[in-house]
């Protein structure tokens, strides 16, 4: 049933997916895979407060859940709470230091607060782990462009 719900979410049938996740969670309210998928689906629907609540409930049970840390971080980033987002990514990186997604997301948040050299470093580290990671490649290019434009203004 979880796979069916995930497929529905992938096909942007969000309401139907949520109903299936709720059915799954009725029988096991702490089933982490269903909670994570439900939170991600809410996030795609723009229902960020529901998503945020789910990520927080997962992290209360398991503060080391990487998916919940990244999910919460991306929600905080979207709310322009970049320092809080960076805390989530740093927590994930303490658990898994070679985590390309956490590095790339941290780089995005660092870039938003103007720490371009640190952001670039995160993107480069992410690319040493996964050379084809799109988010890291795009972030690296943007950081390089911004750094170059800063130098040319001086």
Foldseek 3Di string as FASTA:
>chain_A
DLVVLLVCLVVVVLVVSLVVLVVVCVVPVLPVSSLLSNLVSCVVVVVNVSSLVSLVVNCVVPVQDLSSLQSNLVSCVVVVVLVSSLVSLVSNCVVPVQDLSSLLSNLVSCVVVPVLVSSLVSLVSSCVSPVPPVSSVVSNVVSVVVVVVVVVVD
